Amino acid sequence: MSNKMVACKVCGEQIAKSAKVCPHCGAKRKRHTALGVTLTVLGVLLIAGAVGSMGGSPSGSDGSQAAGDSVFGVGEPVEMDNVVVTLDSVTENSGGNYMTPTDGKVFVVCEFTIDNQSEQDIAVSSMLSFNTYIDDYASPLNLSSMLSTNQTQLDGTIAAGKKMNGVVGYEADPDWQNIEIRFTADFWSDQEFIFTYSK
């Protein structure tokens, strides 16, 4: 009986489809069943619909009402509808946990805390909520940069009265200067807020 082979998503080597860990690099294989993915998507849509009706205006760290394209720095919380989002830190690294950036690049990791002080559960998706620009160039999320840390990715459901802490990460030239993270969330009725950081 032959065992189908697939490429490891981390190192690219061929491994058995049934393998739980890559024998070449040690990376764990994540498996998503169609039912699991479908249920997750439905759950996110239901929660988004429930909290999407919450109205309100955002406020900055000084309690003032934010307007339009509000810009916030590291450590400046943004609050709206009893949900507080804070960019805690922006760090740069050369890799870790067997993850390294492309030659000539570095990882840029942004840590956020989301404090759900509302009375409803909320959903967070790093893929759907973050649009980032490094030195004015669009920068897609980089899974390896997030795995290079010991912190969790910023995805999931936050129960009412609870918090979530996690990271989103990117790859950049070592001489990068500015990062602009545009955060849009269903629980804030798709209003966009901009977090910025300069080296």
N, C-alpha and C. Protein backbone atom coordinates (compact mmCIF):
# COMPACT_ATOMS: atom_id res chain seq x y z
N MET A 1 0.85 -1.19 0.00
CA MET A 1 0.00 0.00 0.00
C MET A 1 0.89 1.24 0.00
N SER A 2 0.72 2.12 -0.95
CA SER A 2 1.56 3.30 -1.04
C SER A 2 0.98 4.44 -0.22
N ASN A 3 1.87 5.24 0.31
CA ASN A 3 1.48 6.39 1.14
C ASN A 3 1.68 7.65 0.31
N LYS A 4 0.65 8.46 0.10
CA LYS A 4 0.77 9.68 -0.70
C LYS A 4 1.73 10.65 -0.03
N MET A 5 2.48 11.37 -0.87
CA MET A 5 3.46 12.33 -0.37
C MET A 5 2.96 13.75 -0.65
N VAL A 6 3.30 14.64 0.27
CA VAL A 6 2.99 16.06 0.11
C VAL A 6 4.23 16.86 0.49
N ALA A 7 4.26 18.12 0.07
CA ALA A 7 5.39 18.98 0.42
C ALA A 7 5.15 19.61 1.79
N CYS A 8 6.18 19.62 2.63
CA CYS A 8 6.11 20.30 3.93
C CYS A 8 5.95 21.79 3.66
N LYS A 9 5.00 22.44 4.34
CA LYS A 9 4.75 23.86 4.12
C LYS A 9 5.85 24.75 4.67
N VAL A 10 6.73 24.19 5.51
CA VAL A 10 7.80 24.99 6.10
C VAL A 10 9.10 24.85 5.31
N CYS A 11 9.57 23.58 5.11
CA CYS A 11 10.86 23.38 4.45
C CYS A 11 10.75 22.94 3.00
N GLY A 12 9.55 22.50 2.57
CA GLY A 12 9.35 22.12 1.18
C GLY A 12 9.71 20.68 0.84
N GLU A 13 10.29 19.94 1.78
CA GLU A 13 10.65 18.54 1.54
C GLU A 13 9.40 17.68 1.43
N GLN A 14 9.50 16.57 0.70
CA GLN A 14 8.39 15.63 0.55
C GLN A 14 8.25 14.78 1.81
N ILE A 15 7.03 14.71 2.34
CA ILE A 15 6.75 13.90 3.53
C ILE A 15 5.45 13.13 3.31
N ALA A 16 5.26 12.08 4.09
CA ALA A 16 4.03 11.30 3.98
C ALA A 16 2.84 12.16 4.36
N LYS A 17 1.74 12.00 3.63
CA LYS A 17 0.54 12.78 3.89
C LYS A 17 0.01 12.52 5.30
N SER A 18 0.25 11.31 5.81
CA SER A 18 -0.24 10.95 7.14
C SER A 18 0.67 11.43 8.27
N ALA A 19 1.85 11.99 7.94
CA ALA A 19 2.80 12.43 8.97
C ALA A 19 2.23 13.60 9.75
N LYS A 20 2.40 13.55 11.07
CA LYS A 20 1.95 14.64 11.92
C LYS A 20 3.05 15.68 12.10
N VAL A 21 4.32 15.27 11.94
CA VAL A 21 5.48 16.15 12.10
C VAL A 21 6.42 15.89 10.93
N CYS A 22 6.98 16.94 10.36
CA CYS A 22 7.95 16.79 9.27
C CYS A 22 9.24 16.19 9.83
N PRO A 23 9.70 15.07 9.27
CA PRO A 23 10.94 14.46 9.77
C PRO A 23 12.19 15.26 9.39
N HIS A 24 12.05 16.21 8.46
CA HIS A 24 13.20 17.00 8.01
C HIS A 24 13.44 18.24 8.87
N CYS A 25 12.35 18.96 9.18
CA CYS A 25 12.50 20.22 9.92
C CYS A 25 11.80 20.23 11.27
N GLY A 26 10.96 19.22 11.53
CA GLY A 26 10.29 19.14 12.83
C GLY A 26 9.01 19.95 12.93
N ALA A 27 8.59 20.59 11.84
CA ALA A 27 7.39 21.41 11.88
C ALA A 27 6.15 20.53 11.98
N LYS A 28 5.20 20.96 12.79
CA LYS A 28 3.95 20.23 12.93
C LYS A 28 3.07 20.53 11.73
N ARG A 29 2.38 19.51 11.24
CA ARG A 29 1.44 19.68 10.13
C ARG A 29 0.08 20.01 10.70
N LYS A 30 -0.50 21.07 10.22
CA LYS A 30 -1.84 21.45 10.65
C LYS A 30 -2.83 20.90 9.64
N ARG A 31 -3.88 20.29 10.15
CA ARG A 31 -4.91 19.74 9.27
C ARG A 31 -6.23 20.41 9.57
N HIS A 32 -6.87 20.84 8.52
CA HIS A 32 -8.18 21.48 8.66
C HIS A 32 -9.18 20.65 7.87
N THR A 33 -10.15 20.13 8.53
CA THR A 33 -11.18 19.39 7.82
C THR A 33 -12.16 20.37 7.20
N ALA A 34 -12.81 19.94 6.14
CA ALA A 34 -13.78 20.81 5.48
C ALA A 34 -14.89 21.19 6.43
N LEU A 35 -15.34 20.24 7.25
CA LEU A 35 -16.40 20.53 8.21
C LEU A 35 -15.93 21.55 9.24
N GLY A 36 -14.70 21.39 9.74
CA GLY A 36 -14.16 22.32 10.74
C GLY A 36 -14.06 23.73 10.19
N VAL A 37 -13.57 23.86 8.96
CA VAL A 37 -13.44 25.17 8.33
C VAL A 37 -14.82 25.79 8.11
N THR A 38 -15.76 24.98 7.63
CA THR A 38 -17.11 25.47 7.39
C THR A 38 -17.76 25.96 8.68
N LEU A 39 -17.64 25.17 9.76
CA LEU A 39 -18.22 25.57 11.04
C LEU A 39 -17.57 26.84 11.58
N THR A 40 -16.25 26.96 11.41
CA THR A 40 -15.56 28.16 11.88
C THR A 40 -16.04 29.39 11.13
N VAL A 41 -16.16 29.29 9.81
CA VAL A 41 -16.62 30.42 9.00
C VAL A 41 -18.05 30.81 9.39
N LEU A 42 -18.92 29.81 9.56
CA LEU A 42 -20.30 30.10 9.96
C LEU A 42 -20.34 30.76 11.33
N GLY A 43 -19.51 30.28 12.26
CA GLY A 43 -19.47 30.87 13.60
C GLY A 43 -19.04 32.33 13.56
N VAL A 44 -18.01 32.62 12.77
CA VAL A 44 -17.52 33.99 12.66
C VAL A 44 -18.61 34.89 12.05
N LEU A 45 -19.30 34.39 11.03
CA LEU A 45 -20.36 35.18 10.41
C LEU A 45 -21.51 35.45 11.36
N LEU A 46 -21.90 34.45 12.14
CA LEU A 46 -22.98 34.64 13.11
C LEU A 46 -22.60 35.66 14.18
N ILE A 47 -21.37 35.55 14.69
CA ILE A 47 -20.92 36.50 15.72
C ILE A 47 -20.80 37.89 15.13
N ALA A 48 -20.28 37.98 13.90
CA ALA A 48 -20.14 39.29 13.26
C ALA A 48 -21.50 39.94 13.06
N GLY A 49 -22.49 39.13 12.68
CA GLY A 49 -23.83 39.68 12.50
C GLY A 49 -24.43 40.16 13.81
N ALA A 50 -24.15 39.42 14.89
CA ALA A 50 -24.71 39.78 16.19
C ALA A 50 -24.10 41.08 16.73
N VAL A 51 -22.78 41.22 16.55
CA VAL A 51 -22.14 42.41 17.11
C VAL A 51 -22.08 43.56 16.11
N GLY A 52 -22.35 43.28 14.85
CA GLY A 52 -22.29 44.33 13.84
C GLY A 52 -23.32 45.42 14.04
N SER A 53 -24.37 45.08 14.79
CA SER A 53 -25.43 46.07 15.01
C SER A 53 -25.11 47.02 16.14
N MET A 54 -24.02 46.75 16.88
CA MET A 54 -23.66 47.65 17.99
C MET A 54 -23.18 48.97 17.40
N GLY A 55 -23.68 50.07 17.88
CA GLY A 55 -23.28 51.38 17.37
C GLY A 55 -22.37 52.07 18.35
N GLY A 56 -21.85 53.22 17.97
CA GLY A 56 -21.02 53.97 18.89
C GLY A 56 -19.94 54.73 18.17
N SER A 57 -19.22 55.50 18.94
CA SER A 57 -18.13 56.27 18.39
C SER A 57 -16.85 55.88 19.09
N PRO A 58 -15.74 55.87 18.35
CA PRO A 58 -14.48 55.51 18.96
C PRO A 58 -13.93 56.65 19.81
N SER A 59 -13.10 56.30 20.76
CA SER A 59 -12.41 57.34 21.52
C SER A 59 -10.96 56.98 21.65
N GLY A 60 -10.12 57.97 21.78
CA GLY A 60 -8.69 57.76 21.92
C GLY A 60 -8.30 57.60 23.37
N SER A 61 -6.99 57.53 23.61
CA SER A 61 -6.48 57.28 24.95
C SER A 61 -6.81 58.41 25.91
N ASP A 62 -7.09 59.60 25.38
CA ASP A 62 -7.42 60.71 26.26
C ASP A 62 -8.93 60.81 26.48
N GLY A 63 -9.69 59.86 25.93
CA GLY A 63 -11.13 59.83 26.12
C GLY A 63 -11.88 60.67 25.10
N SER A 64 -11.17 61.40 24.26
CA SER A 64 -11.85 62.24 23.28
C SER A 64 -12.39 61.38 22.15
N GLN A 65 -13.39 61.89 21.47
CA GLN A 65 -13.98 61.16 20.35
C GLN A 65 -13.01 61.18 19.18
N ALA A 66 -12.81 60.01 18.58
CA ALA A 66 -11.95 59.93 17.41
C ALA A 66 -12.80 60.22 16.18
N ALA A 67 -12.19 60.76 15.17
CA ALA A 67 -12.94 61.08 13.96
C ALA A 67 -12.20 60.58 12.73
N GLY A 68 -12.96 60.14 11.75
CA GLY A 68 -12.39 59.77 10.45
C GLY A 68 -11.19 58.87 10.55
N ASP A 69 -10.11 59.29 9.90
CA ASP A 69 -8.88 58.51 9.91
C ASP A 69 -8.09 58.79 11.17
N SER A 70 -8.49 58.19 12.28
CA SER A 70 -7.81 58.39 13.55
C SER A 70 -6.52 57.59 13.56
N VAL A 71 -5.44 58.21 14.02
CA VAL A 71 -4.13 57.58 14.04
C VAL A 71 -3.67 57.44 15.49
N PHE A 72 -3.21 56.23 15.83
CA PHE A 72 -2.78 55.93 17.19
C PHE A 72 -1.40 55.29 17.17
N GLY A 73 -0.61 55.56 18.22
CA GLY A 73 0.73 55.01 18.32
C GLY A 73 0.78 53.83 19.28
N VAL A 74 1.99 53.36 19.53
CA VAL A 74 2.20 52.24 20.46
C VAL A 74 1.75 52.67 21.85
N GLY A 75 0.95 51.83 22.49
CA GLY A 75 0.49 52.10 23.84
C GLY A 75 -0.72 53.00 23.94
N GLU A 76 -1.26 53.45 22.81
CA GLU A 76 -2.43 54.32 22.81
C GLU A 76 -3.68 53.49 22.51
N PRO A 77 -4.51 53.22 23.52
CA PRO A 77 -5.70 52.39 23.29
C PRO A 77 -6.77 53.12 22.50
N VAL A 78 -7.49 52.36 21.68
CA VAL A 78 -8.63 52.86 20.93
C VAL A 78 -9.85 52.14 21.49
N GLU A 79 -10.88 52.89 21.88
CA GLU A 79 -12.07 52.28 22.47
C GLU A 79 -13.30 52.66 21.68
N MET A 80 -14.13 51.65 21.44
CA MET A 80 -15.42 51.88 20.79
C MET A 80 -16.33 50.71 21.15
N ASP A 81 -17.56 51.00 21.51
CA ASP A 81 -18.54 49.98 21.86
C ASP A 81 -18.02 49.03 22.93
N ASN A 82 -17.28 49.58 23.90
CA ASN A 82 -16.75 48.80 25.02
C ASN A 82 -15.74 47.74 24.60
N VAL A 83 -15.08 47.95 23.47
CA VAL A 83 -13.97 47.09 23.04
C VAL A 83 -12.75 48.00 22.91
N VAL A 84 -11.66 47.61 23.57
CA VAL A 84 -10.44 48.41 23.57
C VAL A 84 -9.34 47.65 22.83
N VAL A 85 -8.73 48.30 21.84
CA VAL A 85 -7.63 47.69 21.08
C VAL A 85 -6.39 48.54 21.28
N THR A 86 -5.28 47.88 21.63
CA THR A 86 -4.02 48.58 21.88
C THR A 86 -2.89 47.90 21.12
N LEU A 87 -2.10 48.70 20.39
CA LEU A 87 -0.85 48.21 19.80
C LEU A 87 0.18 48.28 20.92
N ASP A 88 0.57 47.11 21.46
CA ASP A 88 1.46 47.07 22.61
C ASP A 88 2.92 47.28 22.24
N SER A 89 3.35 46.70 21.13
CA SER A 89 4.76 46.82 20.76
C SER A 89 4.97 46.47 19.30
N VAL A 90 6.08 46.95 18.75
CA VAL A 90 6.55 46.58 17.42
C VAL A 90 8.00 46.18 17.58
N THR A 91 8.31 44.93 17.24
CA THR A 91 9.69 44.44 17.38
C THR A 91 10.17 43.86 16.07
N GLU A 92 11.48 43.77 15.95
CA GLU A 92 12.12 43.24 14.75
C GLU A 92 12.99 42.06 15.17
N ASN A 93 13.01 40.98 14.37
CA ASN A 93 13.90 39.87 14.69
C ASN A 93 14.38 39.20 13.42
N SER A 94 15.39 38.34 13.59
CA SER A 94 15.98 37.62 12.47
C SER A 94 15.49 36.19 12.39
N GLY A 95 14.44 35.90 13.12
CA GLY A 95 13.87 34.56 13.09
C GLY A 95 14.04 33.84 14.41
N GLY A 96 13.37 32.72 14.52
CA GLY A 96 13.41 31.88 15.70
C GLY A 96 12.44 30.73 15.52
N ASN A 97 12.51 29.73 16.41
CA ASN A 97 11.65 28.56 16.32
C ASN A 97 11.72 27.93 14.92
N TYR A 98 12.93 27.86 14.36
CA TYR A 98 13.19 27.29 13.04
C TYR A 98 12.64 28.12 11.90
N MET A 99 12.16 29.32 12.17
CA MET A 99 11.62 30.19 11.13
C MET A 99 12.62 31.32 10.87
N THR A 100 12.95 31.54 9.60
CA THR A 100 13.86 32.63 9.26
C THR A 100 13.27 33.41 8.09
N PRO A 101 13.57 34.71 8.04
CA PRO A 101 13.07 35.51 6.92
C PRO A 101 13.82 35.20 5.63
N THR A 102 13.28 35.65 4.52
CA THR A 102 13.96 35.55 3.24
C THR A 102 15.31 36.26 3.35
N ASP A 103 16.31 35.76 2.62
CA ASP A 103 17.64 36.38 2.65
C ASP A 103 17.54 37.89 2.42
N GLY A 104 18.19 38.65 3.27
CA GLY A 104 18.20 40.10 3.15
C GLY A 104 16.99 40.77 3.76
N LYS A 105 16.15 40.03 4.46
CA LYS A 105 14.94 40.59 5.08
C LYS A 105 14.97 40.35 6.59
N VAL A 106 14.07 41.02 7.30
CA VAL A 106 13.87 40.80 8.73
C VAL A 106 12.38 40.64 8.99
N PHE A 107 12.05 40.05 10.13
CA PHE A 107 10.65 39.95 10.54
C PHE A 107 10.29 41.18 11.37
N VAL A 108 9.10 41.72 11.15
CA VAL A 108 8.55 42.81 11.95
C VAL A 108 7.28 42.25 12.61
N VAL A 109 7.27 42.20 13.93
CA VAL A 109 6.18 41.58 14.67
C VAL A 109 5.46 42.65 15.50
N CYS A 110 4.14 42.73 15.34
CA CYS A 110 3.32 43.73 16.03
C CYS A 110 2.41 43.01 17.02
N GLU A 111 2.53 43.37 18.29
CA GLU A 111 1.73 42.75 19.34
C GLU A 111 0.55 43.63 19.70
N PHE A 112 -0.64 43.04 19.75
CA PHE A 112 -1.87 43.75 20.09
C PHE A 112 -2.55 43.10 21.29
N THR A 113 -3.29 43.90 22.05
CA THR A 113 -4.19 43.40 23.07
C THR A 113 -5.58 43.91 22.74
N ILE A 114 -6.56 43.00 22.75
CA ILE A 114 -7.95 43.38 22.53
C ILE A 114 -8.72 43.02 23.80
N ASP A 115 -9.33 44.03 24.41
CA ASP A 115 -10.05 43.88 25.68
C ASP A 115 -11.54 44.03 25.39
N ASN A 116 -12.27 42.93 25.47
CA ASN A 116 -13.70 42.93 25.18
C ASN A 116 -14.47 43.21 26.46
N GLN A 117 -14.77 44.48 26.71
CA GLN A 117 -15.52 44.88 27.89
C GLN A 117 -17.02 44.94 27.59
N SER A 118 -17.42 44.47 26.41
CA SER A 118 -18.83 44.48 26.05
C SER A 118 -19.53 43.27 26.65
N GLU A 119 -20.80 43.13 26.35
CA GLU A 119 -21.59 42.02 26.88
C GLU A 119 -21.78 40.91 25.85
N GLN A 120 -21.07 40.99 24.72
CA GLN A 120 -21.20 39.99 23.67
C GLN A 120 -19.82 39.47 23.26
N ASP A 121 -19.78 38.23 22.79
CA ASP A 121 -18.55 37.67 22.25
C ASP A 121 -18.23 38.39 20.94
N ILE A 122 -16.93 38.53 20.64
CA ILE A 122 -16.51 39.14 19.37
C ILE A 122 -15.49 38.23 18.69
N ALA A 123 -15.42 38.32 17.37
CA ALA A 123 -14.48 37.51 16.58
C ALA A 123 -13.40 38.41 16.01
N VAL A 124 -12.17 37.88 15.98
CA VAL A 124 -11.03 38.61 15.43
C VAL A 124 -10.37 37.75 14.36
N SER A 125 -10.07 38.32 13.21
CA SER A 125 -9.38 37.62 12.14
C SER A 125 -8.21 38.46 11.65
N SER A 126 -6.99 37.95 11.82
CA SER A 126 -5.83 38.72 11.36
C SER A 126 -5.84 38.88 9.84
N MET A 127 -6.36 37.88 9.13
CA MET A 127 -6.40 37.95 7.67
C MET A 127 -7.39 39.01 7.17
N LEU A 128 -8.50 39.17 7.88
CA LEU A 128 -9.54 40.08 7.42
C LEU A 128 -9.46 41.48 8.03
N SER A 129 -8.81 41.61 9.19
CA SER A 129 -8.87 42.86 9.93
C SER A 129 -7.67 43.79 9.71
N PHE A 130 -6.55 43.26 9.20
CA PHE A 130 -5.33 44.07 9.12
C PHE A 130 -4.86 44.28 7.69
N ASN A 131 -4.65 45.54 7.32
CA ASN A 131 -3.98 45.92 6.07
C ASN A 131 -2.80 46.77 6.48
N THR A 132 -1.61 46.33 6.08
CA THR A 132 -0.39 46.96 6.60
C THR A 132 0.49 47.48 5.49
N TYR A 133 1.14 48.62 5.77
CA TYR A 133 2.07 49.23 4.84
C TYR A 133 3.39 49.48 5.57
N ILE A 134 4.47 49.02 4.98
CA ILE A 134 5.80 49.30 5.53
C ILE A 134 6.49 50.23 4.55
N ASP A 135 6.84 51.42 5.03
CA ASP A 135 7.41 52.47 4.17
C ASP A 135 6.54 52.69 2.92
N ASP A 136 5.22 52.74 3.13
CA ASP A 136 4.21 53.01 2.12
C ASP A 136 3.98 51.89 1.11
N TYR A 137 4.62 50.72 1.28
CA TYR A 137 4.39 49.58 0.41
C TYR A 137 3.49 48.57 1.12
N ALA A 138 2.47 48.08 0.43
CA ALA A 138 1.59 47.06 1.01
C ALA A 138 2.41 45.86 1.43
N SER A 139 2.14 45.37 2.62
CA SER A 139 2.90 44.25 3.17
C SER A 139 1.93 43.18 3.66
N PRO A 140 1.93 42.00 3.03
CA PRO A 140 1.00 40.95 3.45
C PRO A 140 1.45 40.30 4.76
N LEU A 141 0.50 39.70 5.46
CA LEU A 141 0.83 38.95 6.67
C LEU A 141 1.83 37.86 6.31
N ASN A 142 2.75 37.59 7.23
CA ASN A 142 3.78 36.57 7.01
C ASN A 142 3.69 35.57 8.15
N LEU A 143 3.22 34.36 7.85
CA LEU A 143 3.02 33.33 8.87
C LEU A 143 4.33 32.97 9.58
N SER A 144 5.43 32.89 8.83
CA SER A 144 6.71 32.52 9.44
C SER A 144 7.13 33.53 10.50
N SER A 145 6.86 34.82 10.27
CA SER A 145 7.24 35.84 11.25
C SER A 145 6.47 35.65 12.55
N MET A 146 5.20 35.25 12.45
CA MET A 146 4.39 35.03 13.65
C MET A 146 4.84 33.77 14.38
N LEU A 147 5.23 32.74 13.62
CA LEU A 147 5.70 31.50 14.23
C LEU A 147 7.10 31.64 14.81
N SER A 148 7.82 32.71 14.43
CA SER A 148 9.17 32.92 14.96
C SER A 148 9.15 33.39 16.41
N THR A 149 7.98 33.75 16.90
CA THR A 149 7.84 34.19 18.29
C THR A 149 7.18 33.09 19.11
N ASN A 150 7.12 33.30 20.40
CA ASN A 150 6.42 32.36 21.28
C ASN A 150 5.02 32.85 21.60
N GLN A 151 4.52 33.77 20.77
CA GLN A 151 3.19 34.34 21.01
C GLN A 151 2.19 33.80 20.00
N THR A 152 0.93 33.89 20.35
CA THR A 152 -0.11 33.36 19.48
C THR A 152 -0.49 34.37 18.40
N GLN A 153 -1.04 33.84 17.33
CA GLN A 153 -1.54 34.69 16.25
C GLN A 153 -2.83 35.35 16.72
N LEU A 154 -3.13 36.51 16.22
CA LEU A 154 -4.29 37.29 16.66
C LEU A 154 -5.53 36.85 15.91
N ASP A 155 -6.07 35.68 16.27
CA ASP A 155 -7.25 35.12 15.64
C ASP A 155 -8.08 34.39 16.67
N GLY A 156 -9.40 34.48 16.55
CA GLY A 156 -10.28 33.71 17.41
C GLY A 156 -11.44 34.53 17.93
N THR A 157 -12.12 33.95 18.91
CA THR A 157 -13.28 34.58 19.54
C THR A 157 -12.90 35.03 20.94
N ILE A 158 -13.30 36.23 21.30
CA ILE A 158 -13.06 36.75 22.64
C ILE A 158 -14.40 36.84 23.36
N ALA A 159 -14.53 36.10 24.44
CA ALA A 159 -15.78 36.09 25.20
C ALA A 159 -16.00 37.45 25.86
N ALA A 160 -17.24 37.76 26.16
CA ALA A 160 -17.58 39.01 26.85
C ALA A 160 -16.82 39.09 28.15
N GLY A 161 -16.20 40.25 28.40
CA GLY A 161 -15.45 40.46 29.63
C GLY A 161 -14.05 39.88 29.63
N LYS A 162 -13.58 39.34 28.51
CA LYS A 162 -12.26 38.71 28.43
C LYS A 162 -11.35 39.48 27.48
N LYS A 163 -10.06 39.05 27.45
CA LYS A 163 -9.06 39.72 26.62
C LYS A 163 -8.36 38.72 25.72
N MET A 164 -7.76 39.23 24.66
CA MET A 164 -6.90 38.43 23.79
C MET A 164 -5.63 39.21 23.53
N ASN A 165 -4.50 38.51 23.56
CA ASN A 165 -3.22 39.10 23.24
C ASN A 165 -2.59 38.24 22.15
N GLY A 166 -2.06 38.87 21.12
CA GLY A 166 -1.45 38.10 20.05
C GLY A 166 -0.68 39.00 19.10
N VAL A 167 -0.13 38.37 18.06
CA VAL A 167 0.73 39.11 17.14
C VAL A 167 0.28 38.94 15.70
N VAL A 168 0.63 39.93 14.91
CA VAL A 168 0.60 39.85 13.46
C VAL A 168 2.02 40.19 13.01
N GLY A 169 2.47 39.57 11.92
CA GLY A 169 3.86 39.76 11.53
C GLY A 169 4.04 39.94 10.04
N TYR A 170 5.17 40.52 9.70
CA TYR A 170 5.46 40.87 8.32
C TYR A 170 6.95 40.67 8.05
N GLU A 171 7.32 40.74 6.78
CA GLU A 171 8.72 40.67 6.38
C GLU A 171 9.07 42.02 5.76
N ALA A 172 10.27 42.53 6.06
CA ALA A 172 10.65 43.86 5.56
C ALA A 172 12.15 43.94 5.33
N ASP A 173 12.57 44.97 4.60
CA ASP A 173 13.99 45.25 4.45
C ASP A 173 14.55 45.69 5.80
N PRO A 174 15.80 45.37 6.11
CA PRO A 174 16.36 45.74 7.41
C PRO A 174 16.37 47.25 7.68
N ASP A 175 16.37 48.07 6.63
CA ASP A 175 16.41 49.52 6.82
C ASP A 175 15.02 50.16 6.80
N TRP A 176 13.98 49.37 7.01
CA TRP A 176 12.62 49.92 7.04
C TRP A 176 12.53 50.98 8.14
N GLN A 177 11.63 51.94 7.94
CA GLN A 177 11.52 53.05 8.89
C GLN A 177 10.14 53.18 9.53
N ASN A 178 9.09 52.99 8.74
CA ASN A 178 7.74 53.25 9.24
C ASN A 178 6.80 52.09 8.91
N ILE A 179 5.92 51.79 9.86
CA ILE A 179 4.88 50.80 9.62
C ILE A 179 3.53 51.44 9.94
N GLU A 180 2.57 51.19 9.07
CA GLU A 180 1.21 51.70 9.23
C GLU A 180 0.26 50.51 9.17
N ILE A 181 -0.44 50.27 10.26
CA ILE A 181 -1.35 49.13 10.34
C ILE A 181 -2.77 49.66 10.36
N ARG A 182 -3.52 49.34 9.31
CA ARG A 182 -4.92 49.76 9.22
C ARG A 182 -5.78 48.62 9.74
N PHE A 183 -6.47 48.89 10.85
CA PHE A 183 -7.26 47.87 11.53
C PHE A 183 -8.74 48.13 11.32
N THR A 184 -9.42 47.15 10.74
CA THR A 184 -10.87 47.23 10.51
C THR A 184 -11.49 45.98 11.09
N ALA A 185 -12.51 46.13 11.92
CA ALA A 185 -13.12 44.96 12.54
C ALA A 185 -14.63 45.02 12.45
N ASP A 186 -15.25 43.85 12.30
CA ASP A 186 -16.71 43.76 12.26
C ASP A 186 -17.33 44.33 13.52
N PHE A 187 -16.68 44.09 14.68
CA PHE A 187 -17.28 44.55 15.93
C PHE A 187 -17.25 46.07 16.06
N TRP A 188 -16.53 46.74 15.17
CA TRP A 188 -16.54 48.20 15.13
C TRP A 188 -17.25 48.69 13.87
N SER A 189 -18.19 47.92 13.38
CA SER A 189 -18.98 48.29 12.19
C SER A 189 -18.09 48.66 11.02
N ASP A 190 -16.98 47.92 10.88
CA ASP A 190 -16.04 48.09 9.77
C ASP A 190 -15.40 49.48 9.69
N GLN A 191 -15.37 50.21 10.81
CA GLN A 191 -14.67 51.50 10.81
C GLN A 191 -13.17 51.23 10.91
N GLU A 192 -12.37 51.99 10.18
CA GLU A 192 -10.93 51.77 10.12
C GLU A 192 -10.19 52.70 11.06
N PHE A 193 -9.20 52.11 11.77
CA PHE A 193 -8.30 52.89 12.63
C PHE A 193 -6.88 52.58 12.22
N ILE A 194 -6.01 53.56 12.33
CA ILE A 194 -4.63 53.41 11.88
C ILE A 194 -3.69 53.46 13.08
N PHE A 195 -2.86 52.43 13.19
CA PHE A 195 -1.80 52.40 14.19
C PHE A 195 -0.48 52.59 13.45
N THR A 196 0.38 53.47 13.97
CA THR A 196 1.64 53.73 13.31
C THR A 196 2.81 53.57 14.27
N TYR A 197 3.97 53.29 13.70
CA TYR A 197 5.21 53.17 14.48
C TYR A 197 6.37 53.56 13.58
N SER A 198 7.32 54.31 14.12
CA SER A 198 8.53 54.68 13.39
C SER A 198 9.73 54.28 14.20
N LYS A 199 10.75 53.76 13.52
CA LYS A 199 11.98 53.34 14.22
C LYS A 199 12.74 54.54 14.72
